[in-house]
PDB file of all heavy atoms in Angstrom:
ATOM      1  N   LYS A   1     -10.377   1.585 -24.494  1.00  0.00           N
ATOM      2  CA  LYS A   1      -9.574   2.643 -23.881  1.00  0.00           C
ATOM      3  C   LYS A   1      -9.145   2.180 -22.476  1.00  0.00           C
ATOM      4  O   LYS A   1      -9.954   1.680 -21.692  1.00  0.00           O
ATOM      5  CB  LYS A   1     -10.396   3.941 -23.761  1.00  0.00           C
ATOM      6  CG  LYS A   1     -11.048   4.394 -25.056  1.00  0.00           C
ATOM      7  CD  LYS A   1     -10.029   4.916 -26.059  1.00  0.00           C
ATOM      8  CE  LYS A   1      -9.371   6.209 -25.620  1.00  0.00           C
ATOM      9  NZ  LYS A   1     -10.316   7.349 -25.498  1.00  0.00           N
ATOM     10  N   THR A   2      -7.867   2.372 -22.174  1.00  0.00           N
ATOM     11  CA  THR A   2      -7.311   1.784 -20.954  1.00  0.00           C
ATOM     12  C   THR A   2      -7.128   2.782 -19.808  1.00  0.00           C
ATOM     13  O   THR A   2      -6.989   3.991 -20.009  1.00  0.00           O
ATOM     14  CB  THR A   2      -5.971   1.110 -21.244  1.00  0.00           C
ATOM     15  OG1 THR A   2      -5.078   2.067 -21.829  1.00  0.00           O
ATOM     16  CG2 THR A   2      -6.142  -0.062 -22.188  1.00  0.00           C
ATOM     17  N   ASN A   3      -7.079   2.216 -18.619  1.00  0.00           N
ATOM     18  CA  ASN A   3      -6.952   2.957 -17.371  1.00  0.00           C
ATOM     19  C   ASN A   3      -5.573   3.619 -17.252  1.00  0.00           C
ATOM     20  O   ASN A   3      -4.587   3.149 -17.834  1.00  0.00           O
ATOM     21  CB  ASN A   3      -7.176   1.994 -16.202  1.00  0.00           C
ATOM     22  CG  ASN A   3      -7.594   2.690 -14.935  1.00  0.00           C
ATOM     23  OD1 ASN A   3      -7.736   3.902 -14.882  1.00  0.00           O
ATOM     24  ND2 ASN A   3      -7.793   1.910 -13.873  1.00  0.00           N
ATOM     25  N   LEU A   4      -5.515   4.673 -16.462  1.00  0.00           N
ATOM     26  CA  LEU A   4      -4.259   5.425 -16.314  1.00  0.00           C
ATOM     27  C   LEU A   4      -4.266   6.227 -15.023  1.00  0.00           C
ATOM     28  O   LEU A   4      -5.316   6.466 -14.428  1.00  0.00           O
ATOM     29  CB  LEU A   4      -4.062   6.384 -17.493  1.00  0.00           C
ATOM     30  CG  LEU A   4      -5.055   7.574 -17.630  1.00  0.00           C
ATOM     31  CD1 LEU A   4      -4.384   8.731 -18.347  1.00  0.00           C
ATOM     32  CD2 LEU A   4      -6.321   7.156 -18.372  1.00  0.00           C
ATOM     33  N   ASP A   5      -3.079   6.637 -14.594  1.00  0.00           N
ATOM     34  CA  ASP A   5      -2.991   7.632 -13.528  1.00  0.00           C
ATOM     35  C   ASP A   5      -3.624   8.917 -14.052  1.00  0.00           C
ATOM     36  O   ASP A   5      -3.310   9.376 -15.169  1.00  0.00           O
ATOM     37  CB  ASP A   5      -1.527   7.900 -13.153  1.00  0.00           C
ATOM     38  CG  ASP A   5      -0.917   6.768 -12.341  1.00  0.00           C
ATOM     39  OD1 ASP A   5      -1.577   6.295 -11.406  1.00  0.00           O
ATOM     40  OD2 ASP A   5       0.225   6.370 -12.645  1.00  0.00           O
ATOM     41  N   GLN A   6      -4.479   9.502 -13.261  1.00  0.00           N
ATOM     42  CA  GLN A   6      -5.260  10.654 -13.700  1.00  0.00           C
ATOM     43  C   GLN A   6      -4.384  11.726 -14.356  1.00  0.00           C
ATOM     44  O   GLN A   6      -3.347  12.115 -13.823  1.00  0.00           O
ATOM     45  CB  GLN A   6      -6.004  11.242 -12.504  1.00  0.00           C
ATOM     46  CG  GLN A   6      -7.075  12.255 -12.878  1.00  0.00           C
ATOM     47  CD  GLN A   6      -7.876  12.705 -11.653  1.00  0.00           C
ATOM     48  OE1 GLN A   6      -7.372  13.434 -10.825  1.00  0.00           O
ATOM     49  NE2 GLN A   6      -9.119  12.221 -11.543  1.00  0.00           N
ATOM     50  N   PHE A   7      -4.815  12.177 -15.533  1.00  0.00           N
ATOM     51  CA  PHE A   7      -4.094  13.181 -16.334  1.00  0.00           C
ATOM     52  C   PHE A   7      -2.643  12.763 -16.586  1.00  0.00           C
ATOM     53  O   PHE A   7      -1.761  13.609 -16.729  1.00  0.00           O
ATOM     54  CB  PHE A   7      -4.168  14.569 -15.685  1.00  0.00           C
ATOM     55  CG  PHE A   7      -5.558  15.140 -15.685  1.00  0.00           C
ATOM     56  CD1 PHE A   7      -6.232  15.358 -14.483  1.00  0.00           C
ATOM     57  CD2 PHE A   7      -6.205  15.434 -16.862  1.00  0.00           C
ATOM     58  CE1 PHE A   7      -7.531  15.862 -14.476  1.00  0.00           C
ATOM     59  CE2 PHE A   7      -7.501  15.931 -16.878  1.00  0.00           C
ATOM     60  CZ  PHE A   7      -8.160  16.153 -15.681  1.00  0.00           C
ATOM     61  N   ALA A   8      -2.440  11.445 -16.654  1.00  0.00           N
ATOM     62  CA  ALA A   8      -1.095  10.902 -16.953  1.00  0.00           C
ATOM     63  C   ALA A   8      -0.050  11.441 -15.982  1.00  0.00           C
ATOM     64  O   ALA A   8       1.106  11.638 -16.351  1.00  0.00           O
ATOM     65  CB  ALA A   8      -0.697  11.207 -18.396  1.00  0.00           C
ATOM     66  N   THR A   9      -0.460  11.640 -14.734  1.00  0.00           N
ATOM     67  CA  THR A   9       0.432  12.184 -13.711  1.00  0.00           C
ATOM     68  C   THR A   9       0.722  11.105 -12.668  1.00  0.00           C
ATOM     69  O   THR A   9      -0.031  10.910 -11.719  1.00  0.00           O
ATOM     70  CB  THR A   9      -0.195  13.437 -13.052  1.00  0.00           C
ATOM     71  OG1 THR A   9      -0.460  14.410 -14.068  1.00  0.00           O
ATOM     72  CG2 THR A   9       0.743  14.039 -12.027  1.00  0.00           C
ATOM     73  N   GLY A  10       1.809  10.390 -12.880  1.00  0.00           N
ATOM     74  CA  GLY A  10       2.195   9.336 -11.958  1.00  0.00           C
ATOM     75  C   GLY A  10       2.871   8.183 -12.673  1.00  0.00           C
ATOM     76  O   GLY A  10       2.686   7.974 -13.878  1.00  0.00           O
ATOM     77  N   LEU A  11       3.640   7.430 -11.916  1.00  0.00           N
ATOM     78  CA  LEU A  11       4.329   6.248 -12.434  1.00  0.00           C
ATOM     79  C   LEU A  11       3.858   4.980 -11.725  1.00  0.00           C
ATOM     80  O   LEU A  11       4.518   3.953 -11.779  1.00  0.00           O
ATOM     81  CB  LEU A  11       5.850   6.404 -12.248  1.00  0.00           C
ATOM     82  CG  LEU A  11       6.508   7.526 -13.044  1.00  0.00           C
ATOM     83  CD1 LEU A  11       7.966   7.698 -12.616  1.00  0.00           C
ATOM     84  CD2 LEU A  11       6.424   7.256 -14.538  1.00  0.00           C
ATOM     85  N   VAL A  12       2.697   5.076 -11.082  1.00  0.00           N
ATOM     86  CA  VAL A  12       2.255   4.000 -10.191  1.00  0.00           C
ATOM     87  C   VAL A  12       1.073   3.194 -10.716  1.00  0.00           C
ATOM     88  O   VAL A  12       0.946   2.007 -10.442  1.00  0.00           O
ATOM     89  CB  VAL A  12       1.929   4.570  -8.792  1.00  0.00           C
ATOM     90  CG1 VAL A  12       3.205   4.972  -8.084  1.00  0.00           C
ATOM     91  CG2 VAL A  12       0.964   5.760  -8.885  1.00  0.00           C
ATOM     92  N   GLY A  13       0.151   3.845 -11.424  1.00  0.00           N
ATOM     93  CA  GLY A  13      -1.017   3.152 -11.953  1.00  0.00           C
ATOM     94  C   GLY A  13      -2.179   3.020 -10.998  1.00  0.00           C
ATOM     95  O   GLY A  13      -3.182   2.383 -11.327  1.00  0.00           O
ATOM     96  N   VAL A  14      -2.075   3.603  -9.808  1.00  0.00           N
ATOM     97  CA  VAL A  14      -3.152   3.467  -8.816  1.00  0.00           C
ATOM     98  C   VAL A  14      -3.938   4.771  -8.639  1.00  0.00           C
ATOM     99  O   VAL A  14      -4.915   4.798  -7.888  1.00  0.00           O
ATOM    100  CB  VAL A  14      -2.591   3.016  -7.447  1.00  0.00           C
ATOM    101  CG1 VAL A  14      -1.872   1.687  -7.586  1.00  0.00           C
ATOM    102  CG2 VAL A  14      -1.660   4.074  -6.850  1.00  0.00           C
ATOM    103  N   ARG A  15      -3.552   5.807  -9.336  1.00  0.00           N
ATOM    104  CA  ARG A  15      -4.185   7.115  -9.165  1.00  0.00           C
ATOM    105  C   ARG A  15      -5.349   7.283 -10.136  1.00  0.00           C
ATOM    106  O   ARG A  15      -5.331   8.132 -11.029  1.00  0.00           O
ATOM    107  CB  ARG A  15      -3.159   8.231  -9.376  1.00  0.00           C
ATOM    108  CG  ARG A  15      -1.998   8.210  -8.387  1.00  0.00           C
ATOM    109  CD  ARG A  15      -0.918   9.199  -8.784  1.00  0.00           C
ATOM    110  NE  ARG A  15       0.129   9.314  -7.755  1.00  0.00           N
ATOM    111  CZ  ARG A  15       1.220  10.083  -7.870  1.00  0.00           C
ATOM    112  NH1 ARG A  15       1.406  10.800  -8.976  1.00  0.00           N
ATOM    113  NH2 ARG A  15       2.106  10.129  -6.893  1.00  0.00           N
ATOM    114  N   SER A  16      -6.365   6.479  -9.984  1.00  0.00           N
ATOM    115  CA  SER A  16      -7.497   6.501 -10.908  1.00  0.00           C
ATOM    116  C   SER A  16      -8.796   6.212 -10.178  1.00  0.00           C
ATOM    117  O   SER A  16      -8.864   5.274  -9.373  1.00  0.00           O
ATOM    118  CB  SER A  16      -7.295   5.461 -12.014  1.00  0.00           C
ATOM    119  OG  SER A  16      -8.470   5.343 -12.805  1.00  0.00           O
ATOM    120  N   PRO A  17      -9.852   6.968 -10.484  1.00  0.00           N
ATOM    121  CA  PRO A  17     -11.153   6.661  -9.891  1.00  0.00           C
ATOM    122  C   PRO A  17     -11.796   5.427 -10.521  1.00  0.00           C
ATOM    123  O   PRO A  17     -12.832   4.957 -10.047  1.00  0.00           O
ATOM    124  CB  PRO A  17     -11.975   7.919 -10.196  1.00  0.00           C
ATOM    125  CG  PRO A  17     -11.349   8.485 -11.430  1.00  0.00           C
ATOM    126  CD  PRO A  17      -9.880   8.187 -11.315  1.00  0.00           C
ATOM    127  N   TYR A  18     -11.171   4.882 -11.567  1.00  0.00           N
ATOM    128  CA  TYR A  18     -11.692   3.689 -12.232  1.00  0.00           C
ATOM    129  C   TYR A  18     -11.046   2.410 -11.694  1.00  0.00           C
ATOM    130  O   TYR A  18     -11.165   1.346 -12.300  1.00  0.00           O
ATOM    131  CB  TYR A  18     -11.483   3.802 -13.747  1.00  0.00           C
ATOM    132  CG  TYR A  18     -12.246   4.966 -14.345  1.00  0.00           C
ATOM    133  CD1 TYR A  18     -11.610   6.189 -14.553  1.00  0.00           C
ATOM    134  CD2 TYR A  18     -13.596   4.855 -14.663  1.00  0.00           C
ATOM    135  CE1 TYR A  18     -12.303   7.268 -15.086  1.00  0.00           C
ATOM    136  CE2 TYR A  18     -14.305   5.925 -15.194  1.00  0.00           C
ATOM    137  CZ  TYR A  18     -13.651   7.133 -15.401  1.00  0.00           C
ATOM    138  OH  TYR A  18     -14.351   8.215 -15.915  1.00  0.00           O
ATOM    139  N   GLY A  19     -10.389   2.528 -10.557  1.00  0.00           N
ATOM    140  CA  GLY A  19      -9.776   1.364  -9.915  1.00  0.00           C
ATOM    141  C   GLY A  19      -8.272   1.371 -10.055  1.00  0.00           C
ATOM    142  O   GLY A  19      -7.714   1.894 -11.018  1.00  0.00           O
ATOM    143  N   GLU A  20      -7.600   0.818  -9.057  1.00  0.00           N
ATOM    144  CA  GLU A  20      -6.141   0.764  -9.083  1.00  0.00           C
ATOM    145  C   GLU A  20      -5.668  -0.306 -10.063  1.00  0.00           C
ATOM    146  O   GLU A  20      -6.126  -1.448 -10.021  1.00  0.00           O
ATOM    147  CB  GLU A  20      -5.600   0.423  -7.682  1.00  0.00           C
ATOM    148  CG  GLU A  20      -5.859   1.510  -6.648  1.00  0.00           C
ATOM    149  CD  GLU A  20      -5.183   1.194  -5.317  1.00  0.00           C
ATOM    150  OE1 GLU A  20      -4.651   0.069  -5.155  1.00  0.00           O
ATOM    151  OE2 GLU A  20      -5.185   2.082  -4.442  1.00  0.00           O
ATOM    152  N   GLY A  21      -4.747   0.075 -10.940  1.00  0.00           N
ATOM    153  CA  GLY A  21      -4.150  -0.905 -11.833  1.00  0.00           C
ATOM    154  C   GLY A  21      -3.349  -1.918 -11.029  1.00  0.00           C
ATOM    155  O   GLY A  21      -2.602  -1.549 -10.116  1.00  0.00           O
ATOM    156  N   LYS A  22      -3.512  -3.207 -11.370  1.00  0.00           N
ATOM    157  CA  LYS A  22      -2.827  -4.273 -10.622  1.00  0.00           C
ATOM    158  C   LYS A  22      -1.829  -4.974 -11.530  1.00  0.00           C
ATOM    159  O   LYS A  22      -2.099  -5.222 -12.714  1.00  0.00           O
ATOM    160  CB  LYS A  22      -3.853  -5.277 -10.085  1.00  0.00           C
ATOM    161  CG  LYS A  22      -4.841  -4.655  -9.115  1.00  0.00           C
ATOM    162  CD  LYS A  22      -5.930  -5.644  -8.713  1.00  0.00           C
ATOM    163  CE  LYS A  22      -6.989  -4.982  -7.830  1.00  0.00           C
ATOM    164  NZ  LYS A  22      -8.081  -5.925  -7.506  1.00  0.00           N
ATOM    165  N   ASN A  23      -0.702  -5.299 -10.955  1.00  0.00           N
ATOM    166  CA  ASN A  23       0.359  -5.954 -11.709  1.00  0.00           C
ATOM    167  C   ASN A  23      -0.121  -7.273 -12.303  1.00  0.00           C
ATOM    168  O   ASN A  23      -0.838  -8.033 -11.652  1.00  0.00           O
ATOM    169  CB  ASN A  23       1.567  -6.184 -10.799  1.00  0.00           C
ATOM    170  CG  ASN A  23       2.786  -6.645 -11.558  1.00  0.00           C
ATOM    171  OD1 ASN A  23       2.963  -7.818 -11.818  1.00  0.00           O
ATOM    172  ND2 ASN A  23       3.633  -5.693 -11.920  1.00  0.00           N
ATOM    173  N   ALA A  24       0.300  -7.549 -13.527  1.00  0.00           N
ATOM    174  CA  ALA A  24      -0.155  -8.752 -14.235  1.00  0.00           C
ATOM    175  C   ALA A  24       0.353 -10.040 -13.597  1.00  0.00           C
ATOM    176  O   ALA A  24      -0.205 -11.114 -13.832  1.00  0.00           O
ATOM    177  CB  ALA A  24       0.291  -8.686 -15.700  1.00  0.00           C
ATOM    178  N   PHE A  25       1.400  -9.962 -12.746  1.00  0.00           N
ATOM    179  CA  PHE A  25       1.996 -11.151 -12.139  1.00  0.00           C
ATOM    180  C   PHE A  25       1.657 -11.299 -10.656  1.00  0.00           C
ATOM    181  O   PHE A  25       1.634 -12.404 -10.135  1.00  0.00           O
ATOM    182  CB  PHE A  25       3.520 -11.115 -12.291  1.00  0.00           C
ATOM    183  CG  PHE A  25       3.976 -11.203 -13.713  1.00  0.00           C
ATOM    184  CD1 PHE A  25       4.213 -10.057 -14.446  1.00  0.00           C
ATOM    185  CD2 PHE A  25       4.141 -12.429 -14.332  1.00  0.00           C
ATOM    186  CE1 PHE A  25       4.623 -10.131 -15.773  1.00  0.00           C
ATOM    187  CE2 PHE A  25       4.552 -12.518 -15.647  1.00  0.00           C
ATOM    188  CZ  PHE A  25       4.784 -11.360 -16.378  1.00  0.00           C
ATOM    189  N   ASN A  26       1.426 -10.172  -9.990  1.00  0.00           N
ATOM    190  CA  ASN A  26       1.157 -10.193  -8.552  1.00  0.00           C
ATOM    191  C   ASN A  26       0.278  -8.992  -8.242  1.00  0.00           C
ATOM    192  O   ASN A  26       0.746  -7.844  -8.251  1.00  0.00           O
ATOM    193  CB  ASN A  26       2.469 -10.123  -7.768  1.00  0.00           C
ATOM    194  CG  ASN A  26       2.264 -10.243  -6.265  1.00  0.00           C
ATOM    195  OD1 ASN A  26       1.173  -9.965  -5.740  1.00  0.00           O
ATOM    196  ND2 ASN A  26       3.303 -10.635  -5.541  1.00  0.00           N
TER     197      ASN A  26
END
């Protein structure tokens, strides 16, 4: 199961207590 912006609210990927999602290239 993968990380997400909490309650699927956001287009950024950093709104998670499980760590900020980081871009695969940078």
